[in-house]
């Protein structure tokens, strides 16, 4: 058991040590998100499974607060309304559950963050394609080599690892950094 614990922690540390190479990108994502929010836009967030939970987590940090008292920021997890999700999955297909919500809620100048540890989630890919048609900036939080979503991402944070939990841990670490930078940018002069 100790060996498994040690191995899991070492893998996490190794993945985290690779993040500094992406610092400029993380800063760029924070600037894009802050810019959209500053102009009255919103952040839409989607993903499946653990990434659905991370979508909700990121939206909560923006709508509530991360560390600073400030106005609520407009963020919406597209993973939370079971009536919409099941309606769209039933009437269209599961591959359309985020695309239709982007069409309904998104506006030019908004930001869509899509999380996919494989880089191959068709419902996230379809949402990105719709967002790009609408003039919405697409930000991929991806795993492995970025998959099919990377080419349709305006900005792509890729954790080059095939271990889903490790990728998710790095995604939420990056998201926390971005939320902090967004808050600083919007609250401090």
N, C-alpha and C. Protein backbone atom coordinates (compact mmCIF):
# COMPACT_ATOMS: atom_id res chain seq x y z
N UNK A 1 0.83 -1.19 0.00
CA UNK A 1 0.00 0.00 0.00
C UNK A 1 0.88 1.26 0.00
N UNK A 2 1.92 1.26 0.80
CA UNK A 2 2.79 2.44 0.85
C UNK A 2 3.41 2.73 -0.50
N UNK A 3 3.76 1.67 -1.24
CA UNK A 3 4.35 1.86 -2.56
C UNK A 3 3.36 2.53 -3.51
N UNK A 4 2.08 2.13 -3.45
CA UNK A 4 1.06 2.75 -4.32
C UNK A 4 0.86 4.21 -3.95
N UNK A 5 0.84 4.51 -2.66
CA UNK A 5 0.69 5.90 -2.22
C UNK A 5 1.87 6.72 -2.71
N UNK A 6 3.06 6.21 -2.50
CA UNK A 6 4.28 6.91 -2.93
C UNK A 6 4.26 7.14 -4.44
N UNK A 7 3.88 6.11 -5.20
CA UNK A 7 3.85 6.20 -6.66
C UNK A 7 2.84 7.26 -7.12
N UNK A 8 1.66 7.29 -6.49
CA UNK A 8 0.64 8.28 -6.87
C UNK A 8 1.12 9.69 -6.59
N UNK A 9 1.74 9.89 -5.46
CA UNK A 9 2.24 11.23 -5.11
C UNK A 9 3.38 11.64 -6.04
N UNK A 10 4.27 10.71 -6.34
CA UNK A 10 5.39 11.01 -7.25
C UNK A 10 4.88 11.37 -8.64
N UNK A 11 3.85 10.68 -9.11
CA UNK A 11 3.30 10.98 -10.43
C UNK A 11 2.69 12.39 -10.44
N UNK A 12 1.98 12.72 -9.36
CA UNK A 12 1.38 14.05 -9.23
C UNK A 12 2.48 15.12 -9.25
N UNK A 13 3.53 14.90 -8.47
CA UNK A 13 4.63 15.87 -8.40
C UNK A 13 5.28 16.03 -9.77
N UNK A 14 5.50 14.93 -10.45
CA UNK A 14 6.12 14.97 -11.78
C UNK A 14 5.25 15.77 -12.76
N UNK A 15 3.95 15.53 -12.74
CA UNK A 15 3.05 16.26 -13.63
C UNK A 15 3.03 17.75 -13.27
N UNK A 16 3.02 18.05 -11.99
CA UNK A 16 3.01 19.46 -11.55
C UNK A 16 4.31 20.16 -11.94
N UNK A 17 5.41 19.44 -11.92
CA UNK A 17 6.69 20.04 -12.30
C UNK A 17 6.76 20.37 -13.79
N UNK A 18 5.89 19.75 -14.59
CA UNK A 18 5.85 20.06 -16.02
C UNK A 18 5.01 21.31 -16.31
N UNK A 19 4.19 21.73 -15.36
CA UNK A 19 3.31 22.89 -15.58
C UNK A 19 4.04 24.22 -15.81
N UNK A 20 5.19 24.46 -15.18
CA UNK A 20 5.84 25.76 -15.44
C UNK A 20 6.09 26.06 -16.91
N UNK A 21 6.26 25.04 -17.73
CA UNK A 21 6.44 25.27 -19.17
C UNK A 21 5.18 25.90 -19.78
N UNK A 22 4.05 25.77 -19.09
CA UNK A 22 2.79 26.30 -19.61
C UNK A 22 2.35 27.58 -18.89
N UNK A 23 3.22 28.16 -18.07
CA UNK A 23 2.87 29.38 -17.35
C UNK A 23 2.39 30.48 -18.28
N UNK A 24 3.09 30.74 -19.40
CA UNK A 24 2.59 31.82 -20.28
C UNK A 24 1.17 31.53 -20.79
N UNK A 25 0.90 30.28 -21.12
CA UNK A 25 -0.43 29.89 -21.59
C UNK A 25 -1.47 30.06 -20.49
N UNK A 26 -1.14 29.67 -19.27
CA UNK A 26 -2.06 29.83 -18.15
C UNK A 26 -2.39 31.31 -17.94
N UNK A 27 -1.37 32.15 -18.04
CA UNK A 27 -1.59 33.59 -17.94
C UNK A 27 -2.45 34.13 -19.07
N UNK A 28 -2.24 33.60 -20.27
CA UNK A 28 -3.03 34.02 -21.42
C UNK A 28 -4.50 33.62 -21.25
N UNK A 29 -4.74 32.40 -20.75
CA UNK A 29 -6.11 31.96 -20.50
C UNK A 29 -6.78 32.87 -19.47
N UNK A 30 -6.06 33.18 -18.39
CA UNK A 30 -6.61 34.07 -17.37
C UNK A 30 -6.95 35.44 -17.96
N UNK A 31 -6.10 35.95 -18.83
CA UNK A 31 -6.35 37.26 -19.46
C UNK A 31 -7.58 37.23 -20.34
N UNK A 32 -7.75 36.15 -21.10
CA UNK A 32 -8.91 36.01 -21.99
C UNK A 32 -10.19 35.92 -21.16
N UNK A 33 -10.16 35.12 -20.10
CA UNK A 33 -11.34 34.98 -19.23
C UNK A 33 -11.67 36.32 -18.57
N UNK A 34 -10.66 36.96 -18.00
CA UNK A 34 -10.89 38.25 -17.33
C UNK A 34 -11.41 39.29 -18.32
N UNK A 35 -10.85 39.30 -19.53
CA UNK A 35 -11.29 40.25 -20.54
C UNK A 35 -12.74 40.06 -20.92
N UNK A 36 -13.15 38.81 -21.08
CA UNK A 36 -14.55 38.53 -21.42
C UNK A 36 -15.47 38.98 -20.28
N UNK A 37 -15.10 38.66 -19.05
CA UNK A 37 -15.92 39.03 -17.90
C UNK A 37 -15.97 40.55 -17.73
N UNK A 38 -14.86 41.20 -17.97
CA UNK A 38 -14.80 42.67 -17.84
C UNK A 38 -15.75 43.34 -18.83
N UNK A 39 -15.94 42.72 -19.99
CA UNK A 39 -16.80 43.29 -21.03
C UNK A 39 -18.25 42.81 -20.93
N UNK A 40 -18.59 42.14 -19.82
CA UNK A 40 -19.97 41.69 -19.63
C UNK A 40 -20.27 40.32 -20.20
N UNK A 41 -19.24 39.61 -20.64
CA UNK A 41 -19.43 38.27 -21.17
C UNK A 41 -19.49 37.24 -20.05
N UNK A 42 -19.56 35.98 -20.47
CA UNK A 42 -19.66 34.90 -19.50
C UNK A 42 -18.70 33.79 -19.87
N UNK A 43 -18.50 32.89 -18.90
CA UNK A 43 -17.68 31.71 -19.11
C UNK A 43 -18.60 30.50 -19.05
N UNK A 44 -18.63 29.72 -20.11
CA UNK A 44 -19.36 28.47 -20.17
C UNK A 44 -18.34 27.35 -20.00
N UNK A 45 -18.70 26.31 -19.25
CA UNK A 45 -17.73 25.25 -18.95
C UNK A 45 -18.41 23.90 -19.10
N UNK A 46 -17.70 22.95 -19.74
CA UNK A 46 -18.29 21.62 -19.92
C UNK A 46 -17.23 20.52 -19.86
N UNK A 47 -17.68 19.33 -19.56
CA UNK A 47 -16.84 18.14 -19.50
C UNK A 47 -17.68 16.97 -19.04
N UNK A 48 -17.13 15.79 -19.07
CA UNK A 48 -17.84 14.57 -18.72
C UNK A 48 -17.22 13.91 -17.48
N UNK A 49 -18.04 13.22 -16.71
CA UNK A 49 -17.54 12.49 -15.55
C UNK A 49 -16.87 13.40 -14.54
N UNK A 50 -15.63 13.10 -14.18
CA UNK A 50 -14.88 13.94 -13.25
C UNK A 50 -14.70 15.35 -13.80
N UNK A 51 -14.59 15.46 -15.11
CA UNK A 51 -14.47 16.78 -15.73
C UNK A 51 -15.77 17.57 -15.66
N UNK A 52 -16.91 16.86 -15.56
CA UNK A 52 -18.19 17.54 -15.32
C UNK A 52 -18.17 18.16 -13.93
N UNK A 53 -17.67 17.39 -12.96
CA UNK A 53 -17.55 17.91 -11.60
C UNK A 53 -16.59 19.09 -11.56
N UNK A 54 -15.48 19.00 -12.30
CA UNK A 54 -14.53 20.11 -12.35
C UNK A 54 -15.15 21.34 -13.01
N UNK A 55 -16.03 21.12 -14.00
CA UNK A 55 -16.73 22.24 -14.63
C UNK A 55 -17.55 23.01 -13.59
N UNK A 56 -18.26 22.26 -12.76
CA UNK A 56 -19.05 22.88 -11.70
C UNK A 56 -18.15 23.58 -10.68
N UNK A 57 -17.04 22.96 -10.36
CA UNK A 57 -16.09 23.53 -9.41
C UNK A 57 -15.58 24.88 -9.91
N UNK A 58 -15.17 24.92 -11.17
CA UNK A 58 -14.64 26.16 -11.75
C UNK A 58 -15.72 27.24 -11.78
N UNK A 59 -16.93 26.87 -12.19
CA UNK A 59 -18.03 27.84 -12.22
C UNK A 59 -18.30 28.39 -10.82
N UNK A 60 -18.25 27.52 -9.82
CA UNK A 60 -18.50 27.95 -8.44
C UNK A 60 -17.44 28.93 -7.96
N UNK A 61 -16.19 28.70 -8.34
CA UNK A 61 -15.10 29.62 -7.94
C UNK A 61 -15.32 31.01 -8.53
N UNK A 62 -15.88 31.07 -9.74
CA UNK A 62 -16.10 32.35 -10.40
C UNK A 62 -17.38 33.04 -9.91
N UNK A 63 -18.46 32.29 -9.80
CA UNK A 63 -19.72 32.89 -9.36
C UNK A 63 -19.65 33.26 -7.87
N UNK A 64 -19.10 32.37 -7.07
CA UNK A 64 -18.96 32.65 -5.63
C UNK A 64 -17.77 33.56 -5.40
N UNK A 65 -16.70 32.96 -5.01
CA UNK A 65 -15.42 33.67 -4.89
C UNK A 65 -14.34 32.62 -4.80
N UNK A 66 -13.16 33.02 -5.18
CA UNK A 66 -12.01 32.13 -5.04
C UNK A 66 -11.33 32.48 -3.71
N UNK A 67 -10.72 33.66 -3.63
CA UNK A 67 -10.09 34.10 -2.39
C UNK A 67 -10.52 35.51 -1.98
N UNK A 68 -10.98 36.30 -2.92
CA UNK A 68 -11.27 37.71 -2.65
C UNK A 68 -12.77 37.98 -2.67
N UNK A 69 -13.20 38.89 -1.79
CA UNK A 69 -14.58 39.38 -1.85
C UNK A 69 -14.69 40.27 -3.08
N UNK A 70 -15.67 39.98 -3.90
CA UNK A 70 -15.87 40.73 -5.14
C UNK A 70 -17.25 40.43 -5.68
N UNK A 71 -17.62 41.10 -6.76
CA UNK A 71 -18.91 40.84 -7.38
C UNK A 71 -18.90 39.43 -7.96
N UNK A 72 -20.06 38.86 -8.10
CA UNK A 72 -20.19 37.55 -8.73
C UNK A 72 -19.82 37.67 -10.21
N UNK A 73 -19.13 36.67 -10.71
CA UNK A 73 -18.74 36.64 -12.11
C UNK A 73 -19.62 35.64 -12.85
N UNK A 74 -19.95 35.95 -14.08
CA UNK A 74 -20.88 35.12 -14.84
C UNK A 74 -20.19 33.87 -15.38
N UNK A 75 -20.52 32.74 -14.79
CA UNK A 75 -19.98 31.45 -15.23
C UNK A 75 -21.08 30.41 -15.10
N UNK A 76 -21.14 29.51 -16.06
CA UNK A 76 -22.20 28.52 -16.11
C UNK A 76 -21.62 27.16 -16.50
N UNK A 77 -21.79 26.17 -15.61
CA UNK A 77 -21.42 24.80 -15.94
C UNK A 77 -22.55 24.19 -16.75
N UNK A 78 -22.23 23.70 -17.92
CA UNK A 78 -23.24 23.12 -18.80
C UNK A 78 -23.52 21.66 -18.46
N UNK A 79 -23.10 21.25 -17.28
CA UNK A 79 -23.16 19.85 -16.86
C UNK A 79 -24.19 19.61 -15.77
N UNK A 80 -24.97 20.63 -15.41
CA UNK A 80 -25.72 20.54 -14.16
C UNK A 80 -27.23 20.36 -14.29
N UNK A 81 -27.81 20.69 -15.40
CA UNK A 81 -29.27 20.63 -15.53
C UNK A 81 -29.68 19.28 -16.11
N UNK A 82 -30.12 18.37 -15.25
CA UNK A 82 -30.44 17.01 -15.71
C UNK A 82 -31.59 16.99 -16.71
N UNK A 83 -32.53 17.90 -16.59
CA UNK A 83 -33.64 17.93 -17.56
C UNK A 83 -33.13 18.30 -18.95
N UNK A 84 -32.27 19.31 -19.01
CA UNK A 84 -31.70 19.69 -20.32
C UNK A 84 -30.82 18.57 -20.85
N UNK A 85 -29.94 18.04 -20.02
CA UNK A 85 -29.02 16.99 -20.47
C UNK A 85 -29.77 15.77 -21.00
N UNK A 86 -30.77 15.33 -20.26
CA UNK A 86 -31.50 14.13 -20.69
C UNK A 86 -32.41 14.41 -21.88
N UNK A 87 -32.98 15.59 -21.95
CA UNK A 87 -33.80 15.97 -23.11
C UNK A 87 -32.94 15.96 -24.37
N UNK A 88 -31.79 16.61 -24.31
CA UNK A 88 -30.94 16.69 -25.49
C UNK A 88 -30.36 15.34 -25.87
N UNK A 89 -29.97 14.55 -24.87
CA UNK A 89 -29.43 13.22 -25.15
C UNK A 89 -30.50 12.34 -25.78
N UNK A 90 -31.72 12.46 -25.31
CA UNK A 90 -32.83 11.64 -25.82
C UNK A 90 -33.30 12.12 -27.19
N UNK A 91 -33.50 13.42 -27.35
CA UNK A 91 -34.08 13.95 -28.58
C UNK A 91 -33.05 14.09 -29.71
N UNK A 92 -31.79 14.28 -29.36
CA UNK A 92 -30.73 14.42 -30.37
C UNK A 92 -29.76 13.26 -30.19
N UNK A 93 -28.74 13.49 -29.38
CA UNK A 93 -27.79 12.45 -28.98
C UNK A 93 -26.92 13.04 -27.89
N UNK A 94 -26.25 12.18 -27.16
CA UNK A 94 -25.38 12.67 -26.09
C UNK A 94 -24.28 13.56 -26.65
N UNK A 95 -23.93 13.35 -27.91
CA UNK A 95 -22.90 14.17 -28.54
C UNK A 95 -23.32 15.62 -28.72
N UNK A 96 -24.60 15.94 -28.52
CA UNK A 96 -25.13 17.29 -28.73
C UNK A 96 -25.44 18.03 -27.42
N UNK A 97 -25.24 17.39 -26.26
CA UNK A 97 -25.73 17.98 -25.01
C UNK A 97 -25.07 19.32 -24.67
N UNK A 98 -23.83 19.52 -25.06
CA UNK A 98 -23.17 20.81 -24.77
C UNK A 98 -23.33 21.78 -25.94
N UNK A 99 -23.31 21.28 -27.15
CA UNK A 99 -23.45 22.12 -28.34
C UNK A 99 -24.74 22.94 -28.30
N UNK A 100 -25.84 22.30 -27.99
CA UNK A 100 -27.13 23.00 -27.95
C UNK A 100 -27.15 24.06 -26.84
N UNK A 101 -26.51 23.77 -25.72
CA UNK A 101 -26.48 24.75 -24.63
C UNK A 101 -25.58 25.94 -25.00
N UNK A 102 -24.49 25.68 -25.71
CA UNK A 102 -23.66 26.79 -26.20
C UNK A 102 -24.48 27.67 -27.13
N UNK A 103 -25.24 27.03 -28.02
CA UNK A 103 -26.09 27.79 -28.93
C UNK A 103 -27.11 28.62 -28.17
N UNK A 104 -27.67 28.08 -27.10
CA UNK A 104 -28.70 28.78 -26.32
C UNK A 104 -28.13 29.89 -25.46
N UNK A 105 -27.01 29.66 -24.81
CA UNK A 105 -26.50 30.60 -23.80
C UNK A 105 -25.31 31.44 -24.25
N UNK A 106 -24.61 30.98 -25.25
CA UNK A 106 -23.38 31.66 -25.66
C UNK A 106 -23.62 32.87 -26.54
N UNK A 107 -22.71 33.81 -26.44
CA UNK A 107 -22.73 35.02 -27.26
C UNK A 107 -21.30 35.33 -27.69
N UNK A 108 -21.16 36.01 -28.80
CA UNK A 108 -19.84 36.42 -29.26
C UNK A 108 -19.13 37.16 -28.12
N UNK A 109 -17.87 36.81 -27.89
CA UNK A 109 -17.10 37.44 -26.83
C UNK A 109 -17.08 36.63 -25.54
N UNK A 110 -17.94 35.61 -25.43
CA UNK A 110 -17.89 34.72 -24.27
C UNK A 110 -16.70 33.78 -24.41
N UNK A 111 -16.48 32.99 -23.38
CA UNK A 111 -15.42 31.98 -23.38
C UNK A 111 -16.05 30.63 -23.06
N UNK A 112 -15.69 29.61 -23.81
CA UNK A 112 -16.10 28.24 -23.52
C UNK A 112 -14.86 27.45 -23.11
N UNK A 113 -14.89 26.93 -21.89
CA UNK A 113 -13.83 26.05 -21.42
C UNK A 113 -14.36 24.62 -21.50
N UNK A 114 -13.64 23.78 -22.21
CA UNK A 114 -14.01 22.37 -22.33
C UNK A 114 -12.93 21.50 -21.75
N UNK A 115 -13.33 20.61 -20.84
CA UNK A 115 -12.37 19.70 -20.20
C UNK A 115 -12.56 18.31 -20.79
N UNK A 116 -11.46 17.72 -21.24
CA UNK A 116 -11.49 16.35 -21.77
C UNK A 116 -10.13 15.71 -21.52
N UNK A 117 -10.11 14.74 -20.63
CA UNK A 117 -8.83 14.10 -20.29
C UNK A 117 -8.27 13.29 -21.45
N UNK A 118 -9.13 12.89 -22.38
CA UNK A 118 -8.68 12.15 -23.55
C UNK A 118 -8.43 13.08 -24.74
N UNK A 119 -9.05 14.24 -24.72
CA UNK A 119 -9.00 15.13 -25.88
C UNK A 119 -9.92 14.67 -26.99
N UNK A 120 -10.77 13.69 -26.70
CA UNK A 120 -11.59 13.07 -27.74
C UNK A 120 -13.09 13.06 -27.45
N UNK A 121 -13.54 13.80 -26.45
CA UNK A 121 -14.97 13.79 -26.09
C UNK A 121 -15.77 14.48 -27.19
N UNK A 122 -16.62 13.71 -27.89
CA UNK A 122 -17.35 14.26 -29.03
C UNK A 122 -18.29 15.38 -28.64
N UNK A 123 -18.89 15.30 -27.44
CA UNK A 123 -19.80 16.38 -27.06
C UNK A 123 -19.05 17.68 -26.79
N UNK A 124 -17.83 17.59 -26.29
CA UNK A 124 -17.01 18.80 -26.10
C UNK A 124 -16.54 19.31 -27.46
N UNK A 125 -16.12 18.41 -28.34
CA UNK A 125 -15.70 18.80 -29.69
C UNK A 125 -16.83 19.52 -30.42
N UNK A 126 -18.04 18.97 -30.37
CA UNK A 126 -19.19 19.61 -31.03
C UNK A 126 -19.49 20.98 -30.43
N UNK A 127 -19.37 21.10 -29.12
CA UNK A 127 -19.58 22.39 -28.46
C UNK A 127 -18.53 23.41 -28.94
N UNK A 128 -17.28 22.98 -29.08
CA UNK A 128 -16.23 23.88 -29.56
C UNK A 128 -16.50 24.31 -31.00
N UNK A 129 -16.93 23.39 -31.84
CA UNK A 129 -17.23 23.77 -33.22
C UNK A 129 -18.36 24.79 -33.28
N UNK A 130 -19.39 24.61 -32.48
CA UNK A 130 -20.50 25.57 -32.42
C UNK A 130 -20.00 26.92 -31.88
N UNK A 131 -19.19 26.87 -30.83
CA UNK A 131 -18.67 28.10 -30.24
C UNK A 131 -17.86 28.90 -31.25
N UNK A 132 -17.03 28.22 -32.00
CA UNK A 132 -16.20 28.92 -32.99
C UNK A 132 -17.08 29.57 -34.06
N UNK A 133 -18.15 28.90 -34.48
CA UNK A 133 -19.11 29.49 -35.43
C UNK A 133 -19.70 30.78 -34.87
N UNK A 134 -19.87 30.83 -33.54
CA UNK A 134 -20.55 31.95 -32.89
C UNK A 134 -19.60 33.05 -32.41
N UNK A 135 -18.30 32.90 -32.62
CA UNK A 135 -17.35 33.90 -32.16
C UNK A 135 -17.04 33.81 -30.69
N UNK A 136 -17.19 32.63 -30.13
CA UNK A 136 -16.88 32.38 -28.72
C UNK A 136 -15.48 31.78 -28.64
N UNK A 137 -14.66 32.30 -27.76
CA UNK A 137 -13.29 31.80 -27.59
C UNK A 137 -13.34 30.41 -26.94
N UNK A 138 -12.59 29.47 -27.49
CA UNK A 138 -12.56 28.11 -26.97
C UNK A 138 -11.24 27.84 -26.25
N UNK A 139 -11.36 27.33 -25.02
CA UNK A 139 -10.19 27.00 -24.21
C UNK A 139 -10.30 25.53 -23.83
N UNK A 140 -9.36 24.73 -24.32
CA UNK A 140 -9.34 23.32 -23.99
C UNK A 140 -8.45 23.02 -22.81
N UNK A 141 -8.98 22.27 -21.86
CA UNK A 141 -8.19 21.67 -20.79
C UNK A 141 -8.15 20.20 -21.16
N UNK A 142 -7.05 19.74 -21.71
CA UNK A 142 -7.00 18.45 -22.37
C UNK A 142 -5.91 17.55 -21.78
N UNK A 143 -6.01 16.27 -22.10
CA UNK A 143 -5.01 15.31 -21.69
C UNK A 143 -4.39 14.65 -22.91
N UNK A 144 -3.48 13.72 -22.63
CA UNK A 144 -2.76 12.96 -23.66
C UNK A 144 -2.07 13.92 -24.62
N UNK A 145 -2.37 13.86 -25.92
CA UNK A 145 -1.74 14.76 -26.89
C UNK A 145 -2.69 15.90 -27.30
N UNK A 146 -3.81 16.02 -26.61
CA UNK A 146 -4.80 17.05 -26.93
C UNK A 146 -5.89 16.54 -27.84
N UNK A 147 -5.66 15.42 -28.51
CA UNK A 147 -6.68 14.77 -29.32
C UNK A 147 -7.28 15.66 -30.39
N UNK A 148 -8.52 15.35 -30.74
CA UNK A 148 -9.23 16.07 -31.81
C UNK A 148 -9.72 17.44 -31.37
N UNK A 149 -9.71 17.68 -30.06
CA UNK A 149 -10.19 18.98 -29.56
C UNK A 149 -9.11 20.05 -29.66
N UNK A 150 -7.86 19.66 -29.54
CA UNK A 150 -6.78 20.65 -29.58
C UNK A 150 -6.81 21.53 -30.84
N UNK A 151 -7.00 20.96 -32.03
CA UNK A 151 -7.00 21.82 -33.22
C UNK A 151 -8.14 22.83 -33.29
N UNK A 152 -9.23 22.59 -32.56
CA UNK A 152 -10.35 23.54 -32.58
C UNK A 152 -10.38 24.39 -31.32
N UNK A 153 -9.29 24.35 -30.56
CA UNK A 153 -9.16 25.18 -29.36
C UNK A 153 -8.38 26.44 -29.72
N UNK A 154 -8.91 27.59 -29.33
CA UNK A 154 -8.14 28.81 -29.49
C UNK A 154 -6.92 28.78 -28.57
N UNK A 155 -7.13 28.25 -27.37
CA UNK A 155 -6.04 28.05 -26.40
C UNK A 155 -6.21 26.64 -25.85
N UNK A 156 -5.12 25.89 -25.79
CA UNK A 156 -5.21 24.50 -25.32
C UNK A 156 -4.14 24.23 -24.26
N UNK A 157 -4.60 23.98 -23.05
CA UNK A 157 -3.73 23.55 -21.96
C UNK A 157 -3.73 22.02 -21.99
N UNK A 158 -2.64 21.43 -22.44
CA UNK A 158 -2.57 19.98 -22.60
C UNK A 158 -1.64 19.39 -21.54
N UNK A 159 -2.19 18.48 -20.75
CA UNK A 159 -1.40 17.71 -19.79
C UNK A 159 -1.06 16.40 -20.50
N UNK A 160 0.19 16.28 -20.92
CA UNK A 160 0.59 15.14 -21.74
C UNK A 160 0.79 13.90 -20.87
N UNK A 161 -0.33 13.33 -20.48
CA UNK A 161 -0.33 12.14 -19.64
C UNK A 161 -1.60 11.37 -19.98
N UNK A 162 -1.54 10.06 -19.89
CA UNK A 162 -2.71 9.22 -20.18
C UNK A 162 -3.45 8.81 -18.92
N UNK A 163 -2.92 9.18 -17.75
CA UNK A 163 -3.55 8.81 -16.48
C UNK A 163 -4.62 9.85 -16.14
N UNK A 164 -5.89 9.45 -16.26
CA UNK A 164 -7.01 10.37 -16.09
C UNK A 164 -6.96 11.13 -14.76
N UNK A 165 -6.78 10.45 -13.60
CA UNK A 165 -6.74 11.21 -12.35
C UNK A 165 -5.62 12.25 -12.32
N UNK A 166 -4.48 11.91 -12.85
CA UNK A 166 -3.36 12.87 -12.87
C UNK A 166 -3.70 14.08 -13.74
N UNK A 167 -4.29 13.83 -14.90
CA UNK A 167 -4.68 14.93 -15.79
C UNK A 167 -5.70 15.82 -15.08
N UNK A 168 -6.69 15.20 -14.44
CA UNK A 168 -7.72 15.99 -13.72
C UNK A 168 -7.10 16.82 -12.60
N UNK A 169 -6.15 16.27 -11.89
CA UNK A 169 -5.49 17.02 -10.81
C UNK A 169 -4.77 18.24 -11.36
N UNK A 170 -4.11 18.12 -12.50
CA UNK A 170 -3.41 19.25 -13.09
C UNK A 170 -4.40 20.26 -13.67
N UNK A 171 -5.51 19.77 -14.21
CA UNK A 171 -6.54 20.69 -14.72
C UNK A 171 -7.07 21.57 -13.59
N UNK A 172 -7.37 20.98 -12.45
CA UNK A 172 -7.94 21.79 -11.36
C UNK A 172 -6.87 22.69 -10.74
N UNK A 173 -5.62 22.25 -10.72
CA UNK A 173 -4.53 23.12 -10.27
C UNK A 173 -4.43 24.35 -11.18
N UNK A 174 -4.41 24.12 -12.49
CA UNK A 174 -4.35 25.24 -13.43
C UNK A 174 -5.59 26.12 -13.30
N UNK A 175 -6.76 25.51 -13.14
CA UNK A 175 -8.00 26.29 -12.99
C UNK A 175 -7.96 27.17 -11.75
N UNK A 176 -7.43 26.65 -10.65
CA UNK A 176 -7.31 27.46 -9.44
C UNK A 176 -6.36 28.64 -9.68
N UNK A 177 -5.27 28.41 -10.35
CA UNK A 177 -4.34 29.50 -10.65
C UNK A 177 -5.05 30.55 -11.50
N UNK A 178 -5.78 30.09 -12.52
CA UNK A 178 -6.50 31.01 -13.41
C UNK A 178 -7.56 31.79 -12.64
N UNK A 179 -8.31 31.14 -11.77
CA UNK A 179 -9.33 31.85 -10.98
C UNK A 179 -8.68 32.93 -10.11
N UNK A 180 -7.55 32.63 -9.53
CA UNK A 180 -6.83 33.62 -8.72
C UNK A 180 -6.37 34.80 -9.56
N UNK A 181 -5.83 34.53 -10.74
CA UNK A 181 -5.38 35.60 -11.62
C UNK A 181 -6.55 36.45 -12.11
N UNK A 182 -7.66 35.80 -12.42
CA UNK A 182 -8.86 36.53 -12.86
C UNK A 182 -9.34 37.45 -11.76
N UNK A 183 -9.44 36.92 -10.54
CA UNK A 183 -9.87 37.76 -9.40
C UNK A 183 -8.94 38.95 -9.21
N UNK A 184 -7.64 38.68 -9.20
CA UNK A 184 -6.67 39.78 -9.04
C UNK A 184 -6.86 40.84 -10.10
N UNK A 185 -7.06 40.40 -11.32
CA UNK A 185 -7.19 41.33 -12.44
C UNK A 185 -8.46 42.17 -12.35
N UNK A 186 -9.53 41.58 -11.83
CA UNK A 186 -10.80 42.30 -11.78
C UNK A 186 -11.02 43.08 -10.50
N UNK A 187 -10.30 42.74 -9.45
CA UNK A 187 -10.52 43.38 -8.16
C UNK A 187 -9.46 44.42 -7.86
N UNK A 188 -8.22 44.09 -8.11
CA UNK A 188 -7.12 45.01 -7.78
C UNK A 188 -6.86 45.97 -8.93
N UNK A 189 -6.57 47.24 -8.61
CA UNK A 189 -6.35 48.23 -9.67
C UNK A 189 -5.07 47.97 -10.45
